[in-house]
Structures are given as C-alpha cells and as structure tokens.
Amino acid sequence: MRNPNVTVRSRGVMEKCTYCIQRINARKIQAEIEEREVRDGEILTACQQSCPTQAIVFGNINDPNSRVSRLKAQSRNYSLLLELNTRPRTTYLAKLRNPNPEIRE
C-alpha cells in the first residue's frame, strides 16, 4: 500500500507481471552511472528474491555465459504455445522423471 514502486489496483483486478521493471531499471541506471555492463545475477525480481529453491531465473539470453542462457540451451527447455508463434519470453524446464520403477529415488 505504501510502496511507491507498486501500482495499486482495486480488489479483484488482476495485472500481468511486469517482471519488476522498476528493479531492472534501477540496476541499469546504477550500472550506467558506474560506466559498466549489468552483471549476470545482479538484477533480482521480487519473486526470484523470495524463492528459496532458486527455481526462478532471469538474465540476458544474448550472453552465452549467463545462467539463464545455459538453462535455455538444455534439452528440457520448452515454451507454452510456441507452435502458435506467440514468442513467449517465459520458458520452463521439464521435470526429470524416472521411467524405471525398479530404481528408487
């Protein structure tokens, strides 16, 4: 309610995720002031910061050395509705499953 970085909506109104654009811009501005590039892992969105398992990853997919780029290169990476050419910017990693019931976890 008192956070100036969050827009207030009336009850029942749902808003699409903005990927914490205010946090991203703050880090970009800081990096520009320091005359450097934004480092991998420097920007943390609110959901990423609060996730204890680090299941949410954001970063520069154009940098082949970034964590998010390495995860997207895995064969388990997939997008929802990709066949409809929606070009989603959120992708997921498929869960690893054990197809052999004789081998226990």
PDB file of N, CA and C in Angstrom:
ATOM      1  N   MET A   1       0.803  -1.185   0.000  1.00  0.00           N
ATOM      2  CA  MET A   1       0.000   0.000   0.000  1.00  0.00           C
ATOM      3  C   MET A   1       0.851   1.256   0.000  1.00  0.00           C
ATOM      4  N   ARG A   2       1.949   1.206   0.722  1.00  0.00           N
ATOM      5  CA  ARG A   2       2.799   2.404   0.814  1.00  0.00           C
ATOM      6  C   ARG A   2       4.077   2.281  -0.011  1.00  0.00           C
ATOM      7  N   ASN A   3       4.138   1.283  -0.864  1.00  0.00           N
ATOM      8  CA  ASN A   3       5.310   1.069  -1.698  1.00  0.00           C
ATOM      9  C   ASN A   3       5.117   1.853  -3.000  1.00  0.00           C
ATOM     10  N   PRO A   4       5.950   2.875  -3.264  1.00  0.00           N
ATOM     11  CA  PRO A   4       5.771   3.681  -4.483  1.00  0.00           C
ATOM     12  C   PRO A   4       6.109   2.933  -5.767  1.00  0.00           C
ATOM     13  N   ASN A   5       6.779   1.789  -5.663  1.00  0.00           N
ATOM     14  CA  ASN A   5       7.162   1.038  -6.849  1.00  0.00           C
ATOM     15  C   ASN A   5       6.090   0.055  -7.305  1.00  0.00           C
ATOM     16  N   VAL A   6       4.992  -0.045  -6.572  1.00  0.00           N
ATOM     17  CA  VAL A   6       3.932  -0.993  -6.901  1.00  0.00           C
ATOM     18  C   VAL A   6       2.648  -0.224  -7.172  1.00  0.00           C
ATOM     19  N   THR A   7       2.004  -0.526  -8.293  1.00  0.00           N
ATOM     20  CA  THR A   7       0.742   0.140  -8.607  1.00  0.00           C
ATOM     21  C   THR A   7      -0.384  -0.463  -7.783  1.00  0.00           C
ATOM     22  N   VAL A   8      -1.307   0.351  -7.357  1.00  0.00           N
ATOM     23  CA  VAL A   8      -2.427  -0.100  -6.540  1.00  0.00           C
ATOM     24  C   VAL A   8      -3.628  -0.339  -7.452  1.00  0.00           C
ATOM     25  N   ARG A   9      -4.204  -1.516  -7.338  1.00  0.00           N
ATOM     26  CA  ARG A   9      -5.377  -1.879  -8.119  1.00  0.00           C
ATOM     27  C   ARG A   9      -6.521  -2.172  -7.162  1.00  0.00           C
ATOM     28  N   SER A  10      -7.741  -1.968  -7.634  1.00  0.00           N
ATOM     29  CA  SER A  10      -8.891  -2.272  -6.795  1.00  0.00           C
ATOM     30  C   SER A  10      -9.025  -3.777  -6.640  1.00  0.00           C
ATOM     31  N   ARG A  11      -9.764  -4.173  -5.640  1.00  0.00           N
ATOM     32  CA  ARG A  11      -9.919  -5.588  -5.333  1.00  0.00           C
ATOM     33  C   ARG A  11     -10.519  -6.335  -6.523  1.00  0.00           C
ATOM     34  N   GLY A  12      -9.935  -7.494  -6.831  1.00  0.00           N
ATOM     35  CA  GLY A  12     -10.433  -8.312  -7.919  1.00  0.00           C
ATOM     36  C   GLY A  12      -9.795  -8.035  -9.264  1.00  0.00           C
ATOM     37  N   VAL A  13      -8.971  -7.008  -9.361  1.00  0.00           N
ATOM     38  CA  VAL A  13      -8.328  -6.680 -10.631  1.00  0.00           C
ATOM     39  C   VAL A  13      -6.978  -7.380 -10.682  1.00  0.00           C
ATOM     40  N   MET A  14      -6.777  -8.159 -11.730  1.00  0.00           N
ATOM     41  CA  MET A  14      -5.525  -8.875 -11.880  1.00  0.00           C
ATOM     42  C   MET A  14      -4.674  -8.168 -12.923  1.00  0.00           C
ATOM     43  N   GLU A  15      -3.378  -8.106 -12.683  1.00  0.00           N
ATOM     44  CA  GLU A  15      -2.486  -7.406 -13.595  1.00  0.00           C
ATOM     45  C   GLU A  15      -1.388  -8.353 -14.068  1.00  0.00           C
ATOM     46  N   LYS A  16      -1.003  -8.222 -15.312  1.00  0.00           N
ATOM     47  CA  LYS A  16       0.051  -9.052 -15.876  1.00  0.00           C
ATOM     48  C   LYS A  16       1.392  -8.702 -15.233  1.00  0.00           C
ATOM     49  N   CYS A  17       2.233  -9.701 -15.067  1.00  0.00           N
ATOM     50  CA  CYS A  17       3.541  -9.490 -14.456  1.00  0.00           C
ATOM     51  C   CYS A  17       4.392  -8.567 -15.323  1.00  0.00           C
ATOM     52  N   THR A  18       5.023  -7.585 -14.705  1.00  0.00           N
ATOM     53  CA  THR A  18       5.905  -6.659 -15.419  1.00  0.00           C
ATOM     54  C   THR A  18       7.370  -7.025 -15.229  1.00  0.00           C
ATOM     55  N   TYR A  19       7.618  -8.169 -14.596  1.00  0.00           N
ATOM     56  CA  TYR A  19       8.971  -8.625 -14.313  1.00  0.00           C
ATOM     57  C   TYR A  19       9.762  -7.585 -13.527  1.00  0.00           C
ATOM     58  N   CYS A  20       9.061  -6.887 -12.638  1.00  0.00           N
ATOM     59  CA  CYS A  20       9.668  -5.887 -11.750  1.00  0.00           C
ATOM     60  C   CYS A  20      10.525  -4.895 -12.539  1.00  0.00           C
ATOM     61  N   ILE A  21       9.922  -4.254 -13.498  1.00  0.00           N
ATOM     62  CA  ILE A  21      10.634  -3.324 -14.375  1.00  0.00           C
ATOM     63  C   ILE A  21      11.317  -2.220 -13.583  1.00  0.00           C
ATOM     64  N   GLN A  22      10.747  -1.831 -12.425  1.00  0.00           N
ATOM     65  CA  GLN A  22      11.369  -0.792 -11.618  1.00  0.00           C
ATOM     66  C   GLN A  22      12.705  -1.272 -11.049  1.00  0.00           C
ATOM     67  N   ARG A  23      12.810  -2.545 -10.679  1.00  0.00           N
ATOM     68  CA  ARG A  23      14.085  -3.087 -10.182  1.00  0.00           C
ATOM     69  C   ARG A  23      15.104  -3.194 -11.316  1.00  0.00           C
ATOM     70  N   ILE A  24      14.640  -3.618 -12.477  1.00  0.00           N
ATOM     71  CA  ILE A  24      15.533  -3.751 -13.631  1.00  0.00           C
ATOM     72  C   ILE A  24      16.101  -2.392 -14.022  1.00  0.00           C
ATOM     73  N   ASN A  25      15.240  -1.392 -14.117  1.00  0.00           N
ATOM     74  CA  ASN A  25      15.696  -0.057 -14.492  1.00  0.00           C
ATOM     75  C   ASN A  25      16.629   0.542 -13.454  1.00  0.00           C
ATOM     76  N   ALA A  26      16.378   0.290 -12.173  1.00  0.00           N
ATOM     77  CA  ALA A  26      17.261   0.818 -11.124  1.00  0.00           C
ATOM     78  C   ALA A  26      18.669   0.252 -11.268  1.00  0.00           C
ATOM     79  N   ARG A  27      18.786  -1.040 -11.553  1.00  0.00           N
ATOM     80  CA  ARG A  27      20.114  -1.668 -11.736  1.00  0.00           C
ATOM     81  C   ARG A  27      20.792  -1.186 -13.013  1.00  0.00           C
ATOM     82  N   LYS A  28      20.012  -0.998 -14.072  1.00  0.00           N
ATOM     83  CA  LYS A  28      20.587  -0.497 -15.325  1.00  0.00           C
ATOM     84  C   LYS A  28      21.126   0.918 -15.142  1.00  0.00           C
ATOM     85  N   ILE A  29      20.372   1.742 -14.441  1.00  0.00           N
ATOM     86  CA  ILE A  29      20.816   3.114 -14.185  1.00  0.00           C
ATOM     87  C   ILE A  29      22.078   3.114 -13.335  1.00  0.00           C
ATOM     88  N   GLN A  30      22.119   2.268 -12.306  1.00  0.00           N
ATOM     89  CA  GLN A  30      23.304   2.187 -11.443  1.00  0.00           C
ATOM     90  C   GLN A  30      24.521   1.730 -12.238  1.00  0.00           C
ATOM     91  N   ALA A  31      24.345   0.741 -13.105  1.00  0.00           N
ATOM     92  CA  ALA A  31      25.459   0.257 -13.929  1.00  0.00           C
ATOM     93  C   ALA A  31      25.920   1.337 -14.902  1.00  0.00           C
ATOM     94  N   GLU A  32      24.990   2.120 -15.435  1.00  0.00           N
ATOM     95  CA  GLU A  32      25.344   3.203 -16.347  1.00  0.00           C
ATOM     96  C   GLU A  32      26.123   4.298 -15.628  1.00  0.00           C
ATOM     97  N   ILE A  33      25.731   4.596 -14.395  1.00  0.00           N
ATOM     98  CA  ILE A  33      26.455   5.590 -13.599  1.00  0.00           C
ATOM     99  C   ILE A  33      27.875   5.127 -13.341  1.00  0.00           C
ATOM    100  N   GLU A  34      28.028   3.840 -13.080  1.00  0.00           N
ATOM    101  CA  GLU A  34      29.349   3.266 -12.823  1.00  0.00           C
ATOM    102  C   GLU A  34      30.098   2.930 -14.114  1.00  0.00           C
ATOM    103  N   GLU A  35      29.492   3.228 -15.265  1.00  0.00           N
ATOM    104  CA  GLU A  35      30.092   3.014 -16.589  1.00  0.00           C
ATOM    105  C   GLU A  35      30.540   1.563 -16.796  1.00  0.00           C
ATOM    106  N   ARG A  36      29.598   0.663 -16.608  1.00  0.00           N
ATOM    107  CA  ARG A  36      29.866  -0.772 -16.786  1.00  0.00           C
ATOM    108  C   ARG A  36      28.599  -1.452 -17.271  1.00  0.00           C
ATOM    109  N   GLU A  37      28.726  -2.707 -17.658  1.00  0.00           N
ATOM    110  CA  GLU A  37      27.579  -3.513 -18.060  1.00  0.00           C
ATOM    111  C   GLU A  37      26.923  -4.114 -16.814  1.00  0.00           C
ATOM    112  N   VAL A  38      25.655  -4.437 -16.920  1.00  0.00           N
ATOM    113  CA  VAL A  38      24.953  -5.110 -15.832  1.00  0.00           C
ATOM    114  C   VAL A  38      25.482  -6.532 -15.748  1.00  0.00           C
ATOM    115  N   ARG A  39      25.896  -6.939 -14.553  1.00  0.00           N
ATOM    116  CA  ARG A  39      26.475  -8.270 -14.355  1.00  0.00           C
ATOM    117  C   ARG A  39      25.380  -9.330 -14.252  1.00  0.00           C
ATOM    118  N   ASP A  40      25.739 -10.558 -14.608  1.00  0.00           N
ATOM    119  CA  ASP A  40      24.806 -11.672 -14.523  1.00  0.00           C
ATOM    120  C   ASP A  40      24.432 -11.915 -13.061  1.00  0.00           C
ATOM    121  N   GLY A  41      23.144 -12.001 -12.777  1.00  0.00           N
ATOM    122  CA  GLY A  41      22.673 -12.239 -11.421  1.00  0.00           C
ATOM    123  C   GLY A  41      22.542 -10.991 -10.575  1.00  0.00           C
ATOM    124  N   GLU A  42      22.855  -9.837 -11.129  1.00  0.00           N
ATOM    125  CA  GLU A  42      22.783  -8.583 -10.380  1.00  0.00           C
ATOM    126  C   GLU A  42      21.345  -8.123 -10.182  1.00  0.00           C
ATOM    127  N   ILE A  43      20.489  -8.376 -11.150  1.00  0.00           N
ATOM    128  CA  ILE A  43      19.089  -7.977 -11.065  1.00  0.00           C
ATOM    129  C   ILE A  43      18.283  -9.133 -10.484  1.00  0.00           C
ATOM    130  N   LEU A  44      17.557  -8.847  -9.407  1.00  0.00           N
ATOM    131  CA  LEU A  44      16.687  -9.831  -8.787  1.00  0.00           C
ATOM    132  C   LEU A  44      15.264  -9.292  -8.758  1.00  0.00           C
ATOM    133  N   THR A  45      14.330 -10.036  -9.353  1.00  0.00           N
ATOM    134  CA  THR A  45      12.931  -9.643  -9.258  1.00  0.00           C
ATOM    135  C   THR A  45      12.408 -10.082  -7.895  1.00  0.00           C
ATOM    136  N   ALA A  46      11.239  -9.598  -7.520  1.00  0.00           N
ATOM    137  CA  ALA A  46      10.684  -9.916  -6.205  1.00  0.00           C
ATOM    138  C   ALA A  46      10.425 -11.414  -6.056  1.00  0.00           C
ATOM    139  N   CYS A  47       9.865 -12.046  -7.076  1.00  0.00           N
ATOM    140  CA  CYS A  47       9.588 -13.479  -6.980  1.00  0.00           C
ATOM    141  C   CYS A  47      10.881 -14.294  -6.939  1.00  0.00           C
ATOM    142  N   GLN A  48      11.874 -13.854  -7.669  1.00  0.00           N
ATOM    143  CA  GLN A  48      13.162 -14.536  -7.687  1.00  0.00           C
ATOM    144  C   GLN A  48      13.856 -14.396  -6.339  1.00  0.00           C
ATOM    145  N   GLN A  49      13.766 -13.241  -5.738  1.00  0.00           N
ATOM    146  CA  GLN A  49      14.397 -12.989  -4.455  1.00  0.00           C
ATOM    147  C   GLN A  49      13.745 -13.806  -3.339  1.00  0.00           C
ATOM    148  N   SER A  50      12.438 -14.016  -3.430  1.00  0.00           N
ATOM    149  CA  SER A  50      11.729 -14.721  -2.367  1.00  0.00           C
ATOM    150  C   SER A  50      11.677 -16.230  -2.569  1.00  0.00           C
ATOM    151  N   CYS A  51      12.147 -16.736  -3.693  1.00  0.00           N
ATOM    152  CA  CYS A  51      12.108 -18.182  -3.970  1.00  0.00           C
ATOM    153  C   CYS A  51      13.306 -18.880  -3.312  1.00  0.00           C
ATOM    154  N   PRO A  52      13.079 -19.712  -2.289  1.00  0.00           N
ATOM    155  CA  PRO A  52      14.203 -20.341  -1.584  1.00  0.00           C
ATOM    156  C   PRO A  52      14.931 -21.397  -2.409  1.00  0.00           C
ATOM    157  N   THR A  53      14.286 -21.966  -3.421  1.00  0.00           N
ATOM    158  CA  THR A  53      14.913 -23.019  -4.217  1.00  0.00           C
ATOM    159  C   THR A  53      15.605 -22.496  -5.468  1.00  0.00           C
ATOM    160  N   GLN A  54      15.548 -21.188  -5.691  1.00  0.00           N
ATOM    161  CA  GLN A  54      16.122 -20.556  -6.878  1.00  0.00           C
ATOM    162  C   GLN A  54      15.577 -21.184  -8.161  1.00  0.00           C
ATOM    163  N   ALA A  55      14.261 -21.470  -8.138  1.00  0.00           N
ATOM    164  CA  ALA A  55      13.602 -22.072  -9.289  1.00  0.00           C
ATOM    165  C   ALA A  55      13.283 -21.051 -10.367  1.00  0.00           C
ATOM    166  N   ILE A  56      13.379 -19.768 -10.035  1.00  0.00           N
ATOM    167  CA  ILE A  56      13.078 -18.696 -10.982  1.00  0.00           C
ATOM    168  C   ILE A  56      14.386 -18.017 -11.355  1.00  0.00           C
ATOM    169  N   VAL A  57      14.676 -17.940 -12.656  1.00  0.00           N
ATOM    170  CA  VAL A  57      15.938 -17.366 -13.118  1.00  0.00           C
ATOM    171  C   VAL A  57      15.649 -16.331 -14.202  1.00  0.00           C
ATOM    172  N   PHE A  58      16.247 -15.168 -14.077  1.00  0.00           N
ATOM    173  CA  PHE A  58      16.147 -14.122 -15.091  1.00  0.00           C
ATOM    174  C   PHE A  58      17.555 -13.731 -15.510  1.00  0.00           C
ATOM    175  N   GLY A  59      17.698 -13.228 -16.716  1.00  0.00           N
ATOM    176  CA  GLY A  59      19.014 -12.789 -17.149  1.00  0.00           C
ATOM    177  C   GLY A  59      19.031 -12.444 -18.626  1.00  0.00           C
ATOM    178  N   ASN A  60      20.228 -12.253 -19.127  1.00  0.00           N
ATOM    179  CA  ASN A  60      20.448 -11.873 -20.514  1.00  0.00           C
ATOM    180  C   ASN A  60      20.643 -13.132 -21.354  1.00  0.00           C
ATOM    181  N   ILE A  61      19.657 -13.461 -22.193  1.00  0.00           N
ATOM    182  CA  ILE A  61      19.797 -14.673 -23.008  1.00  0.00           C
ATOM    183  C   ILE A  61      20.752 -14.469 -24.171  1.00  0.00           C
ATOM    184  N   ASN A  62      21.133 -13.234 -24.443  1.00  0.00           N
ATOM    185  CA  ASN A  62      22.102 -12.967 -25.511  1.00  0.00           C
ATOM    186  C   ASN A  62      23.537 -13.195 -25.061  1.00  0.00           C
ATOM    187  N   ASP A  63      23.753 -13.312 -23.754  1.00  0.00           N
ATOM    188  CA  ASP A  63      25.082 -13.598 -23.213  1.00  0.00           C
ATOM    189  C   ASP A  63      25.206 -15.105 -23.053  1.00  0.00           C
ATOM    190  N   PRO A  64      26.043 -15.773 -23.846  1.00  0.00           N
ATOM    191  CA  PRO A  64      26.123 -17.237 -23.777  1.00  0.00           C
ATOM    192  C   PRO A  64      26.676 -17.757 -22.455  1.00  0.00           C
ATOM    193  N   ASN A  65      27.305 -16.910 -21.661  1.00  0.00           N
ATOM    194  CA  ASN A  65      27.862 -17.339 -20.386  1.00  0.00           C
ATOM    195  C   ASN A  65      26.917 -17.117 -19.208  1.00  0.00           C
ATOM    196  N   SER A  66      25.765 -16.501 -19.447  1.00  0.00           N
ATOM    197  CA  SER A  66      24.837 -16.236 -18.343  1.00  0.00           C
ATOM    198  C   SER A  66      24.124 -17.524 -17.928  1.00  0.00           C
ATOM    199  N   ARG A  67      23.667 -17.532 -16.681  1.00  0.00           N
ATOM    200  CA  ARG A  67      22.995 -18.717 -16.156  1.00  0.00           C
ATOM    201  C   ARG A  67      21.718 -19.023 -16.928  1.00  0.00           C
ATOM    202  N   VAL A  68      20.933 -17.996 -17.228  1.00  0.00           N
ATOM    203  CA  VAL A  68      19.675 -18.211 -17.930  1.00  0.00           C
ATOM    204  C   VAL A  68      19.922 -18.731 -19.351  1.00  0.00           C
ATOM    205  N   SER A  69      20.962 -18.293 -19.989  1.00  0.00           N
ATOM    206  CA  SER A  69      21.285 -18.758 -21.334  1.00  0.00           C
ATOM    207  C   SER A  69      21.691 -20.236 -21.312  1.00  0.00           C
ATOM    208  N   ARG A  70      22.448 -20.631 -20.301  1.00  0.00           N
ATOM    209  CA  ARG A  70      22.841 -22.049 -20.173  1.00  0.00           C
ATOM    210  C   ARG A  70      21.628 -22.933 -19.899  1.00  0.00           C
ATOM    211  N   LEU A  71      20.675 -22.435 -19.079  1.00  0.00           N
ATOM    212  CA  LEU A  71      19.466 -23.210 -18.795  1.00  0.00           C
ATOM    213  C   LEU A  71      18.582 -23.326 -20.031  1.00  0.00           C
ATOM    214  N   LYS A  72      18.487 -22.252 -20.819  1.00  0.00           N
ATOM    215  CA  LYS A  72      17.668 -22.284 -22.034  1.00  0.00           C
ATOM    216  C   LYS A  72      18.261 -23.220 -23.098  1.00  0.00           C
ATOM    217  N   ALA A  73      19.550 -23.478 -23.027  1.00  0.00           N
ATOM    218  CA  ALA A  73      20.200 -24.348 -24.009  1.00  0.00           C
ATOM    219  C   ALA A  73      19.959 -25.832 -23.715  1.00  0.00           C
ATOM    220  N   GLN A  74      19.420 -26.135 -22.535  1.00  0.00           N
ATOM    221  CA  GLN A  74      19.177 -27.531 -22.183  1.00  0.00           C
ATOM    222  C   GLN A  74      18.032 -28.110 -23.018  1.00  0.00           C
ATOM    223  N   SER A  75      18.064 -29.412 -23.189  1.00  0.00           N
ATOM    224  CA  SER A  75      17.014 -30.067 -23.975  1.00  0.00           C
ATOM    225  C   SER A  75      15.672 -30.086 -23.235  1.00  0.00           C
ATOM    226  N   ARG A  76      15.684 -29.869 -21.923  1.00  0.00           N
ATOM    227  CA  ARG A  76      14.445 -29.846 -21.138  1.00  0.00           C
ATOM    228  C   ARG A  76      13.683 -28.526 -21.269  1.00  0.00           C
ATOM    229  N   ASN A  77      14.254 -27.512 -21.892  1.00  0.00           N
ATOM    230  CA  ASN A  77      13.631 -26.192 -22.014  1.00  0.00           C
ATOM    231  C   ASN A  77      12.470 -26.239 -23.009  1.00  0.00           C
ATOM    232  N   TYR A  78      11.327 -25.653 -22.603  1.00  0.00           N
ATOM    233  CA  TYR A  78      10.181 -25.580 -23.506  1.00  0.00           C
ATOM    234  C   TYR A  78       9.387 -24.304 -23.243  1.00  0.00           C
ATOM    235  N   SER A  79       8.588 -23.900 -24.218  1.00  0.00           N
ATOM    236  CA  SER A  79       7.720 -22.723 -24.127  1.00  0.00           C
ATOM    237  C   SER A  79       6.275 -23.150 -24.318  1.00  0.00           C
ATOM    238  N   LEU A  80       5.369 -22.453 -23.676  1.00  0.00           N
ATOM    239  CA  LEU A  80       3.950 -22.723 -23.875  1.00  0.00           C
ATOM    240  C   LEU A  80       3.468 -22.029 -25.138  1.00  0.00           C
ATOM    241  N   LEU A  81       2.672 -22.725 -25.914  1.00  0.00           N
ATOM    242  CA  LEU A  81       2.073 -22.222 -27.152  1.00  0.00           C
ATOM    243  C   LEU A  81       3.100 -21.739 -28.178  1.00  0.00           C
ATOM    244  N   LEU A  82       4.285 -22.293 -28.151  1.00  0.00           N
ATOM    245  CA  LEU A  82       5.324 -21.914 -29.104  1.00  0.00           C
ATOM    246  C   LEU A  82       4.917 -22.252 -30.533  1.00  0.00           C
ATOM    247  N   GLU A  83       4.173 -23.346 -30.698  1.00  0.00           N
ATOM    248  CA  GLU A  83       3.748 -23.759 -32.045  1.00  0.00           C
ATOM    249  C   GLU A  83       2.781 -22.764 -32.674  1.00  0.00           C
ATOM    250  N   LEU A  84       2.206 -21.876 -31.870  1.00  0.00           N
ATOM    251  CA  LEU A  84       1.317 -20.833 -32.389  1.00  0.00           C
ATOM    252  C   LEU A  84       2.062 -19.538 -32.703  1.00  0.00           C
ATOM    253  N   ASN A  85       3.379 -19.580 -32.608  1.00  0.00           N
ATOM    254  CA  ASN A  85       4.254 -18.436 -32.880  1.00  0.00           C
ATOM    255  C   ASN A  85       3.934 -17.236 -31.977  1.00  0.00           C
ATOM    256  N   THR A  86       3.697 -17.522 -30.689  1.00  0.00           N
ATOM    257  CA  THR A  86       3.403 -16.453 -29.735  1.00  0.00           C
ATOM    258  C   THR A  86       4.668 -15.789 -29.218  1.00  0.00           C
ATOM    259  N   ARG A  87       5.798 -16.403 -29.430  1.00  0.00           N
ATOM    260  CA  ARG A  87       7.107 -15.903 -28.999  1.00  0.00           C
ATOM    261  C   ARG A  87       7.106 -15.488 -27.515  1.00  0.00           C
ATOM    262  N   PRO A  88       6.766 -16.422 -26.617  1.00  0.00           N
ATOM    263  CA  PRO A  88       6.736 -16.084 -25.194  1.00  0.00           C
ATOM    264  C   PRO A  88       8.139 -15.835 -24.660  1.00  0.00           C
ATOM    265  N   ARG A  89       8.264 -14.918 -23.725  1.00  0.00           N
ATOM    266  CA  ARG A  89       9.588 -14.656 -23.152  1.00  0.00           C
ATOM    267  C   ARG A  89       9.825 -15.461 -21.892  1.00  0.00           C
ATOM    268  N   THR A  90       8.806 -16.180 -21.437  1.00  0.00           N
ATOM    269  CA  THR A  90       8.954 -17.070 -20.292  1.00  0.00           C
ATOM    270  C   THR A  90       9.029 -18.496 -20.799  1.00  0.00           C
ATOM    271  N   THR A  91      10.053 -19.226 -20.388  1.00  0.00           N
ATOM    272  CA  THR A  91      10.185 -20.632 -20.751  1.00  0.00           C
ATOM    273  C   THR A  91      10.324 -21.442 -19.471  1.00  0.00           C
ATOM    274  N   TYR A  92      10.189 -22.747 -19.600  1.00  0.00           N
ATOM    275  CA  TYR A  92      10.181 -23.643 -18.455  1.00  0.00           C
ATOM    276  C   TYR A  92      11.142 -24.796 -18.702  1.00  0.00           C
ATOM    277  N   LEU A  93      11.559 -25.443 -17.613  1.00  0.00           N
ATOM    278  CA  LEU A  93      12.359 -26.657 -17.716  1.00  0.00           C
ATOM    279  C   LEU A  93      11.477 -27.834 -17.326  1.00  0.00           C
ATOM    280  N   ALA A  94      11.445 -28.866 -18.154  1.00  0.00           N
ATOM    281  CA  ALA A  94      10.642 -30.043 -17.872  1.00  0.00           C
ATOM    282  C   ALA A  94      11.198 -30.771 -16.660  1.00  0.00           C
ATOM    283  N   LYS A  95      10.290 -31.345 -15.890  1.00  0.00           N
ATOM    284  CA  LYS A  95      10.676 -32.095 -14.695  1.00  0.00           C
ATOM    285  C   LYS A  95      11.351 -33.397 -15.107  1.00  0.00           C
ATOM    286  N   LEU A  96      12.384 -33.779 -14.382  1.00  0.00           N
ATOM    287  CA  LEU A  96      13.037 -35.057 -14.636  1.00  0.00           C
ATOM    288  C   LEU A  96      12.238 -36.155 -13.953  1.00  0.00           C
ATOM    289  N   ARG A  97      11.911 -37.192 -14.695  1.00  0.00           N
ATOM    290  CA  ARG A  97      11.135 -38.306 -14.150  1.00  0.00           C
ATOM    291  C   ARG A  97      11.896 -39.599 -14.381  1.00  0.00           C
ATOM    292  N   ASN A  98      11.713 -40.514 -13.449  1.00  0.00           N
ATOM    293  CA  ASN A  98      12.347 -41.815 -13.533  1.00  0.00           C
ATOM    294  C   ASN A  98      11.369 -42.800 -14.189  1.00  0.00           C
ATOM    295  N   PRO A  99      11.634 -43.225 -15.419  1.00  0.00           N
ATOM    296  CA  PRO A  99      10.709 -44.148 -16.090  1.00  0.00           C
ATOM    297  C   PRO A  99      10.840 -45.591 -15.618  1.00  0.00           C
ATOM    298  N   ASN A 100      11.885 -45.923 -14.884  1.00  0.00           N
ATOM    299  CA  ASN A 100      12.121 -47.281 -14.425  1.00  0.00           C
ATOM    300  C   ASN A 100      11.646 -47.427 -12.978  1.00  0.00           C
ATOM    301  N   PRO A 101      10.565 -48.193 -12.726  1.00  0.00           N
ATOM    302  CA  PRO A 101      10.066 -48.315 -11.348  1.00  0.00           C
ATOM    303  C   PRO A 101      10.984 -49.123 -10.440  1.00  0.00           C
ATOM    304  N   GLU A 102      11.931 -49.868 -10.997  1.00  0.00           N
ATOM    305  CA  GLU A 102      12.849 -50.654 -10.177  1.00  0.00           C
ATOM    306  C   GLU A 102      13.916 -49.786  -9.511  1.00  0.00           C
ATOM    307  N   ILE A 103      14.183 -48.633 -10.070  1.00  0.00           N
ATOM    308  CA  ILE A 103      15.185 -47.722  -9.499  1.00  0.00           C
ATOM    309  C   ILE A 103      14.456 -46.719  -8.619  1.00  0.00           C
ATOM    310  N   ARG A 104      14.819 -46.707  -7.343  1.00  0.00           N
ATOM    311  CA  ARG A 104      14.195 -45.782  -6.400  1.00  0.00           C
ATOM    312  C   ARG A 104      14.949 -44.464  -6.404  1.00  0.00           C
ATOM    313  N   GLU A 105      14.278 -43.455  -5.916  1.00  0.00           N
ATOM    314  CA  GLU A 105      14.873 -42.109  -5.868  1.00  0.00           C
ATOM    315  C   GLU A 105      16.011 -42.028  -4.914  1.00  0.00           C
TER     316      GLU A 105
END
